[in-house]
Amino acid sequence: MSVKIRLQRHGSKKRPFYFIVVASTTAPRDGKFIEKLGTYNPLTVPATIRISRERSLYWLDKGALPTNTCRRILSFKGVLFLKHLMRGVTLGLFDEQTAMAKFETWNAEHEELVAKREESHRQHKADKRHETMQDSVRRVEEKNIAKAQVEEAEKEVTEE
C-alpha cells in the first residue's frame, strides 16, 4: 500500500480550506486518511499554513510521497530542507546539532522574509485604499466646484 501526503478539501463553495493529510493512494480525496498533519488556508494573504514538522518528517522518512502542491507547502515550511539535513546526518557529513543550527538560521531568515512580504502587502493595500479615498474626495470637490459655478452663473443671470 503506497501512501501520499496530500490535501483534503473542506470549506464551502468558493471558500476552500484544506487539511494536509497522510492517506492511501486508493482512498478518495476527501475520504479516509491515516493521519492529519496540518491545515492550509489559501484565502489569507499570505496563505496560512500550520503543519507538524516532526510528523511530516516521520512520514517522509517512511516513504510517503507528497503531491505537487504538498511538496511546495512542505518546502515552504522547511520540512524538505530538514529532511535533506537529516540525510546529511545519517551519512555522517555533520552532526545533528549542526544540522539543527543550520535549520534554525534558515528558519529565522525565512520568517523574516515572510513578515516582510506580509508587511509589503499590508502597505500596498493601505496605499491603494488611501489612493481610492483621495480620488473620491477629488471627485466630490470637483462636483462641488461645478455646482458653485452653476449657481454663480444662475445668480448673474437673475441679477441682469
N, C-alpha and C. Protein backbone atom coordinates (compact mmCIF):
# COMPACT_ATOMS: atom_id res chain seq x y z
N MET A 1 0.85 -1.18 0.00
CA MET A 1 0.00 0.00 0.00
C MET A 1 0.89 1.23 0.00
N SER A 2 0.79 2.07 -1.04
CA SER A 2 1.58 3.29 -1.06
C SER A 2 0.80 4.43 -0.41
N VAL A 3 1.56 5.33 0.17
CA VAL A 3 0.97 6.41 0.97
C VAL A 3 1.39 7.74 0.38
N LYS A 4 0.47 8.69 0.39
CA LYS A 4 0.74 10.04 -0.11
C LYS A 4 0.42 11.07 0.95
N ILE A 5 1.15 12.17 0.89
CA ILE A 5 0.80 13.35 1.68
C ILE A 5 0.07 14.26 0.72
N ARG A 6 -1.19 14.57 1.03
CA ARG A 6 -1.99 15.35 0.09
C ARG A 6 -2.98 16.24 0.82
N LEU A 7 -3.68 17.05 0.03
CA LEU A 7 -4.66 17.99 0.59
C LEU A 7 -6.05 17.36 0.58
N GLN A 8 -6.79 17.63 1.64
CA GLN A 8 -8.18 17.18 1.74
C GLN A 8 -9.03 18.43 1.85
N ARG A 9 -9.91 18.64 0.88
CA ARG A 9 -10.66 19.89 0.81
C ARG A 9 -11.81 19.93 1.81
N HIS A 10 -11.92 21.08 2.45
CA HIS A 10 -13.04 21.39 3.33
C HIS A 10 -13.46 22.81 3.00
N GLY A 11 -14.45 23.32 3.69
CA GLY A 11 -14.93 24.67 3.42
C GLY A 11 -16.06 24.64 2.42
N SER A 12 -16.72 25.76 2.29
CA SER A 12 -17.89 25.83 1.42
C SER A 12 -17.47 26.16 -0.02
N LYS A 13 -18.45 26.31 -0.86
CA LYS A 13 -18.22 26.60 -2.27
C LYS A 13 -17.47 27.93 -2.41
N LYS A 14 -16.43 27.93 -3.21
CA LYS A 14 -15.59 29.10 -3.48
C LYS A 14 -14.86 29.62 -2.24
N ARG A 15 -14.84 28.86 -1.15
CA ARG A 15 -14.15 29.23 0.09
C ARG A 15 -13.33 28.03 0.57
N PRO A 16 -12.29 27.65 -0.17
CA PRO A 16 -11.58 26.41 0.17
C PRO A 16 -10.76 26.52 1.46
N PHE A 17 -10.67 25.42 2.13
CA PHE A 17 -9.84 25.25 3.31
C PHE A 17 -9.37 23.80 3.27
N TYR A 18 -8.11 23.56 3.48
CA TYR A 18 -7.58 22.21 3.30
C TYR A 18 -6.95 21.66 4.56
N PHE A 19 -7.10 20.36 4.76
CA PHE A 19 -6.32 19.62 5.75
C PHE A 19 -5.18 18.97 4.98
N ILE A 20 -3.99 18.98 5.55
CA ILE A 20 -2.86 18.26 4.97
C ILE A 20 -2.85 16.91 5.67
N VAL A 21 -3.06 15.85 4.89
CA VAL A 21 -3.22 14.52 5.48
C VAL A 21 -2.30 13.51 4.83
N VAL A 22 -2.09 12.42 5.54
CA VAL A 22 -1.41 11.25 5.00
C VAL A 22 -2.52 10.24 4.70
N ALA A 23 -2.59 9.81 3.44
CA ALA A 23 -3.67 8.91 3.04
C ALA A 23 -3.15 7.88 2.05
N SER A 24 -3.85 6.79 1.98
CA SER A 24 -3.55 5.77 0.99
C SER A 24 -3.86 6.34 -0.40
N THR A 25 -3.12 5.90 -1.39
CA THR A 25 -3.34 6.41 -2.75
C THR A 25 -4.68 5.98 -3.30
N THR A 26 -5.23 4.88 -2.76
CA THR A 26 -6.52 4.39 -3.27
C THR A 26 -7.71 5.06 -2.58
N ALA A 27 -7.48 5.79 -1.50
CA ALA A 27 -8.58 6.46 -0.79
C ALA A 27 -9.05 7.67 -1.57
N PRO A 28 -10.35 8.00 -1.52
CA PRO A 28 -10.84 9.20 -2.21
C PRO A 28 -10.25 10.48 -1.61
N ARG A 29 -10.30 11.56 -2.38
CA ARG A 29 -9.69 12.82 -1.98
C ARG A 29 -10.13 13.28 -0.60
N ASP A 30 -11.44 13.29 -0.36
CA ASP A 30 -11.97 13.77 0.92
C ASP A 30 -12.37 12.62 1.83
N GLY A 31 -11.86 11.43 1.54
CA GLY A 31 -12.27 10.24 2.29
C GLY A 31 -11.35 9.91 3.45
N LYS A 32 -11.20 8.62 3.65
CA LYS A 32 -10.45 8.09 4.78
C LYS A 32 -8.97 8.48 4.68
N PHE A 33 -8.38 8.85 5.82
CA PHE A 33 -6.97 9.18 5.86
C PHE A 33 -6.32 8.54 7.07
N ILE A 34 -5.01 8.47 7.05
CA ILE A 34 -4.26 7.83 8.12
C ILE A 34 -4.00 8.80 9.26
N GLU A 35 -3.49 10.00 8.91
CA GLU A 35 -3.15 10.99 9.93
C GLU A 35 -3.27 12.39 9.35
N LYS A 36 -3.74 13.32 10.18
CA LYS A 36 -3.82 14.73 9.80
C LYS A 36 -2.53 15.40 10.25
N LEU A 37 -1.82 16.03 9.29
CA LEU A 37 -0.55 16.69 9.60
C LEU A 37 -0.70 18.17 9.87
N GLY A 38 -1.70 18.80 9.27
CA GLY A 38 -1.86 20.24 9.46
C GLY A 38 -2.98 20.79 8.62
N THR A 39 -2.99 22.13 8.49
CA THR A 39 -4.02 22.82 7.71
C THR A 39 -3.38 23.81 6.76
N TYR A 40 -4.15 24.17 5.72
CA TYR A 40 -3.70 25.14 4.71
C TYR A 40 -4.90 25.97 4.31
N ASN A 41 -4.79 27.29 4.49
CA ASN A 41 -5.86 28.21 4.11
C ASN A 41 -5.33 29.16 3.04
N PRO A 42 -5.69 28.94 1.76
CA PRO A 42 -5.17 29.77 0.69
C PRO A 42 -5.85 31.13 0.57
N LEU A 43 -6.91 31.38 1.32
CA LEU A 43 -7.65 32.63 1.18
C LEU A 43 -6.98 33.80 1.88
N THR A 44 -6.15 33.55 2.87
CA THR A 44 -5.46 34.63 3.56
C THR A 44 -4.24 35.04 2.77
N VAL A 45 -3.76 36.27 3.00
CA VAL A 45 -2.56 36.73 2.31
C VAL A 45 -1.52 37.06 3.36
N PRO A 46 -0.38 36.40 3.41
CA PRO A 46 -0.06 35.19 2.66
C PRO A 46 -0.85 34.00 3.19
N ALA A 47 -0.87 32.93 2.44
CA ALA A 47 -1.64 31.75 2.82
C ALA A 47 -1.20 31.24 4.20
N THR A 48 -2.18 30.85 5.01
CA THR A 48 -1.90 30.35 6.36
C THR A 48 -1.64 28.86 6.30
N ILE A 49 -0.47 28.46 6.80
CA ILE A 49 -0.10 27.05 6.81
C ILE A 49 0.32 26.67 8.22
N ARG A 50 -0.36 25.69 8.77
CA ARG A 50 0.02 25.13 10.07
C ARG A 50 0.29 23.64 9.85
N ILE A 51 1.50 23.22 10.21
CA ILE A 51 1.87 21.84 9.94
C ILE A 51 2.81 21.32 11.04
N SER A 52 2.69 20.05 11.33
CA SER A 52 3.57 19.40 12.30
C SER A 52 4.82 18.94 11.56
N ARG A 53 5.95 19.61 11.82
CA ARG A 53 7.19 19.26 11.12
C ARG A 53 7.65 17.85 11.48
N GLU A 54 7.52 17.50 12.76
CA GLU A 54 8.02 16.19 13.20
C GLU A 54 7.27 15.06 12.51
N ARG A 55 5.95 15.14 12.51
CA ARG A 55 5.15 14.08 11.90
C ARG A 55 5.34 14.05 10.38
N SER A 56 5.46 15.22 9.77
CA SER A 56 5.69 15.26 8.32
C SER A 56 7.03 14.60 7.99
N LEU A 57 8.04 14.92 8.76
CA LEU A 57 9.36 14.33 8.55
C LEU A 57 9.30 12.82 8.77
N TYR A 58 8.56 12.38 9.78
CA TYR A 58 8.39 10.95 10.05
C TYR A 58 7.80 10.25 8.83
N TRP A 59 6.73 10.82 8.26
CA TRP A 59 6.07 10.16 7.13
C TRP A 59 6.93 10.22 5.86
N LEU A 60 7.67 11.31 5.68
CA LEU A 60 8.58 11.37 4.53
C LEU A 60 9.67 10.31 4.66
N ASP A 61 10.17 10.13 5.88
CA ASP A 61 11.18 9.09 6.09
C ASP A 61 10.62 7.69 5.88
N LYS A 62 9.33 7.50 6.15
CA LYS A 62 8.69 6.21 5.94
C LYS A 62 8.41 5.94 4.47
N GLY A 63 8.55 6.97 3.61
CA GLY A 63 8.36 6.76 2.17
C GLY A 63 7.10 7.37 1.60
N ALA A 64 6.39 8.19 2.38
CA ALA A 64 5.20 8.85 1.84
C ALA A 64 5.61 9.86 0.79
N LEU A 65 4.90 9.87 -0.32
CA LEU A 65 5.20 10.80 -1.41
C LEU A 65 4.23 11.98 -1.37
N PRO A 66 4.74 13.20 -1.31
CA PRO A 66 3.83 14.36 -1.32
C PRO A 66 3.36 14.66 -2.74
N THR A 67 2.14 15.16 -2.85
CA THR A 67 1.67 15.63 -4.15
C THR A 67 2.42 16.92 -4.48
N ASN A 68 2.25 17.44 -5.68
CA ASN A 68 2.98 18.63 -6.09
C ASN A 68 2.70 19.82 -5.17
N THR A 69 1.44 20.05 -4.87
CA THR A 69 1.09 21.18 -4.01
C THR A 69 1.63 20.96 -2.61
N CYS A 70 1.50 19.77 -2.09
CA CYS A 70 2.02 19.48 -0.74
C CYS A 70 3.54 19.58 -0.72
N ARG A 71 4.18 19.21 -1.80
CA ARG A 71 5.64 19.35 -1.87
C ARG A 71 6.02 20.82 -1.74
N ARG A 72 5.30 21.69 -2.41
CA ARG A 72 5.57 23.13 -2.30
C ARG A 72 5.33 23.64 -0.88
N ILE A 73 4.26 23.17 -0.26
CA ILE A 73 3.95 23.58 1.11
C ILE A 73 5.03 23.09 2.07
N LEU A 74 5.43 21.83 1.93
CA LEU A 74 6.47 21.27 2.80
C LEU A 74 7.80 21.99 2.59
N SER A 75 8.07 22.35 1.36
CA SER A 75 9.29 23.09 1.06
C SER A 75 9.24 24.48 1.69
N PHE A 76 8.09 25.13 1.59
CA PHE A 76 7.91 26.47 2.14
C PHE A 76 8.10 26.46 3.66
N LYS A 77 7.61 25.43 4.31
CA LYS A 77 7.72 25.34 5.77
C LYS A 77 9.05 24.73 6.23
N GLY A 78 9.90 24.30 5.31
CA GLY A 78 11.22 23.83 5.66
C GLY A 78 11.32 22.35 5.98
N VAL A 79 10.27 21.61 5.78
CA VAL A 79 10.29 20.17 6.10
C VAL A 79 11.23 19.44 5.15
N LEU A 80 11.20 19.77 3.88
CA LEU A 80 12.07 19.09 2.92
C LEU A 80 13.54 19.46 3.16
N PHE A 81 13.81 20.71 3.57
CA PHE A 81 15.17 21.12 3.90
C PHE A 81 15.65 20.35 5.13
N LEU A 82 14.77 20.19 6.11
CA LEU A 82 15.11 19.43 7.31
C LEU A 82 15.39 17.97 6.97
N LYS A 83 14.61 17.41 6.04
CA LYS A 83 14.86 16.03 5.60
C LYS A 83 16.23 15.93 4.94
N HIS A 84 16.56 16.93 4.13
CA HIS A 84 17.86 16.99 3.46
C HIS A 84 18.98 17.03 4.49
N LEU A 85 18.82 17.87 5.51
CA LEU A 85 19.84 17.96 6.56
C LEU A 85 19.97 16.66 7.34
N MET A 86 18.84 16.02 7.63
CA MET A 86 18.88 14.76 8.37
C MET A 86 19.56 13.65 7.55
N ARG A 87 19.43 13.73 6.25
CA ARG A 87 20.12 12.78 5.37
C ARG A 87 21.62 12.98 5.49
N GLY A 88 22.06 14.24 5.58
CA GLY A 88 23.48 14.52 5.79
C GLY A 88 23.98 13.99 7.12
N VAL A 89 23.11 14.04 8.14
CA VAL A 89 23.48 13.50 9.45
C VAL A 89 23.66 11.99 9.36
N THR A 90 22.74 11.30 8.68
CA THR A 90 22.84 9.83 8.57
C THR A 90 24.06 9.42 7.75
N LEU A 91 24.47 10.26 6.80
CA LEU A 91 25.67 9.95 6.00
C LEU A 91 26.96 10.30 6.76
N GLY A 92 26.81 11.01 7.90
CA GLY A 92 27.97 11.35 8.70
C GLY A 92 28.70 12.60 8.24
N LEU A 93 28.05 13.43 7.45
CA LEU A 93 28.68 14.65 6.96
C LEU A 93 28.81 15.70 8.07
N PHE A 94 27.84 15.74 8.97
CA PHE A 94 27.87 16.62 10.13
C PHE A 94 26.96 16.05 11.20
N ASP A 95 27.05 16.61 12.40
CA ASP A 95 26.23 16.07 13.50
C ASP A 95 24.86 16.74 13.54
N GLU A 96 23.99 16.19 14.37
CA GLU A 96 22.60 16.65 14.42
C GLU A 96 22.49 18.08 14.94
N GLN A 97 23.35 18.48 15.86
CA GLN A 97 23.32 19.85 16.39
C GLN A 97 23.65 20.86 15.30
N THR A 98 24.61 20.55 14.46
CA THR A 98 24.96 21.44 13.35
C THR A 98 23.79 21.53 12.37
N ALA A 99 23.16 20.40 12.12
CA ALA A 99 22.01 20.39 11.21
C ALA A 99 20.88 21.26 11.76
N MET A 100 20.61 21.13 13.06
CA MET A 100 19.54 21.93 13.67
C MET A 100 19.91 23.41 13.68
N ALA A 101 21.19 23.72 13.87
CA ALA A 101 21.63 25.12 13.84
C ALA A 101 21.43 25.70 12.44
N LYS A 102 21.78 24.93 11.43
CA LYS A 102 21.56 25.38 10.04
C LYS A 102 20.08 25.60 9.78
N PHE A 103 19.26 24.67 10.25
CA PHE A 103 17.83 24.80 10.04
C PHE A 103 17.29 26.02 10.77
N GLU A 104 17.74 26.27 11.99
CA GLU A 104 17.25 27.43 12.75
C GLU A 104 17.63 28.73 12.08
N THR A 105 18.84 28.83 11.52
CA THR A 105 19.21 30.06 10.81
C THR A 105 18.37 30.24 9.55
N TRP A 106 18.15 29.14 8.83
CA TRP A 106 17.30 29.22 7.64
C TRP A 106 15.89 29.63 8.03
N ASN A 107 15.36 29.04 9.10
CA ASN A 107 14.01 29.33 9.53
C ASN A 107 13.86 30.79 9.95
N ALA A 108 14.86 31.34 10.64
CA ALA A 108 14.81 32.74 11.06
C ALA A 108 14.79 33.66 9.83
N GLU A 109 15.65 33.38 8.86
CA GLU A 109 15.67 34.18 7.63
C GLU A 109 14.35 34.07 6.88
N HIS A 110 13.81 32.85 6.85
CA HIS A 110 12.55 32.61 6.13
C HIS A 110 11.40 33.36 6.80
N GLU A 111 11.32 33.30 8.12
CA GLU A 111 10.26 34.01 8.84
C GLU A 111 10.36 35.51 8.63
N GLU A 112 11.58 36.01 8.57
CA GLU A 112 11.79 37.44 8.31
C GLU A 112 11.28 37.81 6.91
N LEU A 113 11.58 36.96 5.95
CA LEU A 113 11.13 37.19 4.57
C LEU A 113 9.60 37.18 4.49
N VAL A 114 8.97 36.22 5.16
CA VAL A 114 7.51 36.13 5.15
C VAL A 114 6.90 37.36 5.81
N ALA A 115 7.48 37.81 6.92
CA ALA A 115 6.98 39.00 7.60
C ALA A 115 7.12 40.23 6.70
N LYS A 116 8.22 40.30 5.98
CA LYS A 116 8.45 41.43 5.07
C LYS A 116 7.40 41.42 3.94
N ARG A 117 7.13 40.23 3.40
CA ARG A 117 6.11 40.12 2.34
C ARG A 117 4.73 40.54 2.86
N GLU A 118 4.40 40.07 4.06
CA GLU A 118 3.11 40.40 4.65
C GLU A 118 2.99 41.90 4.88
N GLU A 119 4.07 42.52 5.36
CA GLU A 119 4.06 43.96 5.61
C GLU A 119 3.94 44.74 4.29
N SER A 120 4.64 44.28 3.25
CA SER A 120 4.54 44.98 1.96
C SER A 120 3.14 44.85 1.39
N HIS A 121 2.51 43.69 1.58
CA HIS A 121 1.13 43.52 1.11
C HIS A 121 0.19 44.45 1.88
N ARG A 122 0.38 44.51 3.20
CA ARG A 122 -0.44 45.38 4.02
C ARG A 122 -0.26 46.85 3.62
N GLN A 123 1.00 47.24 3.35
CA GLN A 123 1.30 48.61 2.94
C GLN A 123 0.68 48.92 1.58
N HIS A 124 0.77 47.97 0.65
CA HIS A 124 0.19 48.16 -0.68
C HIS A 124 -1.33 48.34 -0.57
N LYS A 125 -1.94 47.52 0.28
CA LYS A 125 -3.38 47.61 0.47
C LYS A 125 -3.77 48.96 1.06
N ALA A 126 -3.01 49.43 2.05
CA ALA A 126 -3.27 50.73 2.67
C ALA A 126 -3.07 51.87 1.67
N ASP A 127 -2.01 51.79 0.85
CA ASP A 127 -1.77 52.81 -0.17
C ASP A 127 -2.90 52.84 -1.19
N LYS A 128 -3.36 51.67 -1.59
CA LYS A 128 -4.46 51.60 -2.57
C LYS A 128 -5.72 52.20 -1.97
N ARG A 129 -5.99 51.89 -0.70
CA ARG A 129 -7.17 52.43 -0.03
C ARG A 129 -7.06 53.96 0.07
N HIS A 130 -5.86 54.46 0.41
CA HIS A 130 -5.64 55.91 0.52
C HIS A 130 -5.81 56.58 -0.85
N GLU A 131 -5.29 55.95 -1.89
CA GLU A 131 -5.41 56.49 -3.25
C GLU A 131 -6.88 56.56 -3.67
N THR A 132 -7.63 55.51 -3.37
CA THR A 132 -9.05 55.48 -3.70
C THR A 132 -9.80 56.58 -2.95
N MET A 133 -9.45 56.74 -1.68
CA MET A 133 -10.08 57.79 -0.87
C MET A 133 -9.76 59.17 -1.44
N GLN A 134 -8.52 59.40 -1.81
CA GLN A 134 -8.12 60.69 -2.39
C GLN A 134 -8.88 60.95 -3.69
N ASP A 135 -9.02 59.90 -4.49
CA ASP A 135 -9.74 60.04 -5.75
C ASP A 135 -11.21 60.40 -5.50
N SER A 136 -11.82 59.75 -4.51
CA SER A 136 -13.22 60.04 -4.17
C SER A 136 -13.37 61.48 -3.69
N VAL A 137 -12.46 61.91 -2.83
CA VAL A 137 -12.51 63.29 -2.31
C VAL A 137 -12.35 64.28 -3.45
N ARG A 138 -11.42 64.00 -4.37
CA ARG A 138 -11.20 64.89 -5.51
C ARG A 138 -12.46 65.01 -6.37
N ARG A 139 -13.13 63.88 -6.61
CA ARG A 139 -14.36 63.91 -7.41
C ARG A 139 -15.45 64.73 -6.73
N VAL A 140 -15.60 64.54 -5.44
CA VAL A 140 -16.62 65.30 -4.70
C VAL A 140 -16.31 66.79 -4.75
N GLU A 141 -15.04 67.15 -4.57
CA GLU A 141 -14.66 68.56 -4.63
C GLU A 141 -14.91 69.14 -6.02
N GLU A 142 -14.62 68.38 -7.06
CA GLU A 142 -14.88 68.86 -8.42
C GLU A 142 -16.38 69.08 -8.64
N LYS A 143 -17.20 68.18 -8.12
CA LYS A 143 -18.65 68.34 -8.25
C LYS A 143 -19.12 69.59 -7.51
N ASN A 144 -18.58 69.80 -6.32
CA ASN A 144 -18.96 70.99 -5.54
C ASN A 144 -18.55 72.27 -6.24
N ILE A 145 -17.37 72.29 -6.84
CA ILE A 145 -16.91 73.46 -7.59
C ILE A 145 -17.81 73.70 -8.79
N ALA A 146 -18.17 72.63 -9.51
CA ALA A 146 -19.05 72.76 -10.67
C ALA A 146 -20.41 73.29 -10.24
N LYS A 147 -20.95 72.81 -9.13
CA LYS A 147 -22.23 73.30 -8.62
C LYS A 147 -22.16 74.77 -8.28
N ALA A 148 -21.05 75.16 -7.62
CA ALA A 148 -20.89 76.57 -7.23
C ALA A 148 -20.81 77.45 -8.47
N GLN A 149 -20.14 77.00 -9.51
CA GLN A 149 -20.04 77.78 -10.74
C GLN A 149 -21.41 77.91 -11.40
N VAL A 150 -22.19 76.83 -11.40
CA VAL A 150 -23.53 76.88 -11.99
C VAL A 150 -24.40 77.84 -11.20
N GLU A 151 -24.32 77.79 -9.87
CA GLU A 151 -25.11 78.69 -9.04
C GLU A 151 -24.71 80.14 -9.27
N GLU A 152 -23.42 80.42 -9.42
CA GLU A 152 -22.96 81.79 -9.68
C GLU A 152 -23.47 82.26 -11.04
N ALA A 153 -23.43 81.38 -12.03
CA ALA A 153 -23.91 81.76 -13.36
C ALA A 153 -25.40 82.06 -13.31
N GLU A 154 -26.17 81.26 -12.57
CA GLU A 154 -27.62 81.49 -12.43
C GLU A 154 -27.86 82.80 -11.69
N LYS A 155 -27.06 83.10 -10.69
CA LYS A 155 -27.20 84.31 -9.91
C LYS A 155 -26.95 85.54 -10.79
N GLU A 156 -25.91 85.48 -11.63
CA GLU A 156 -25.58 86.58 -12.53
C GLU A 156 -26.71 86.79 -13.55
N VAL A 157 -27.29 85.70 -14.02
CA VAL A 157 -28.38 85.79 -14.99
C VAL A 157 -29.60 86.44 -14.34
N THR A 158 -29.90 86.07 -13.11
CA THR A 158 -31.06 86.65 -12.41
C THR A 158 -30.82 88.10 -12.04
N GLU A 159 -29.58 88.54 -11.80
CA GLU A 159 -29.29 89.92 -11.46
C GLU A 159 -29.41 90.82 -12.69
N GLU A 160 -29.16 90.33 -13.83
CA GLU A 160 -29.22 91.16 -15.05
C GLU A 160 -30.63 91.39 -15.42
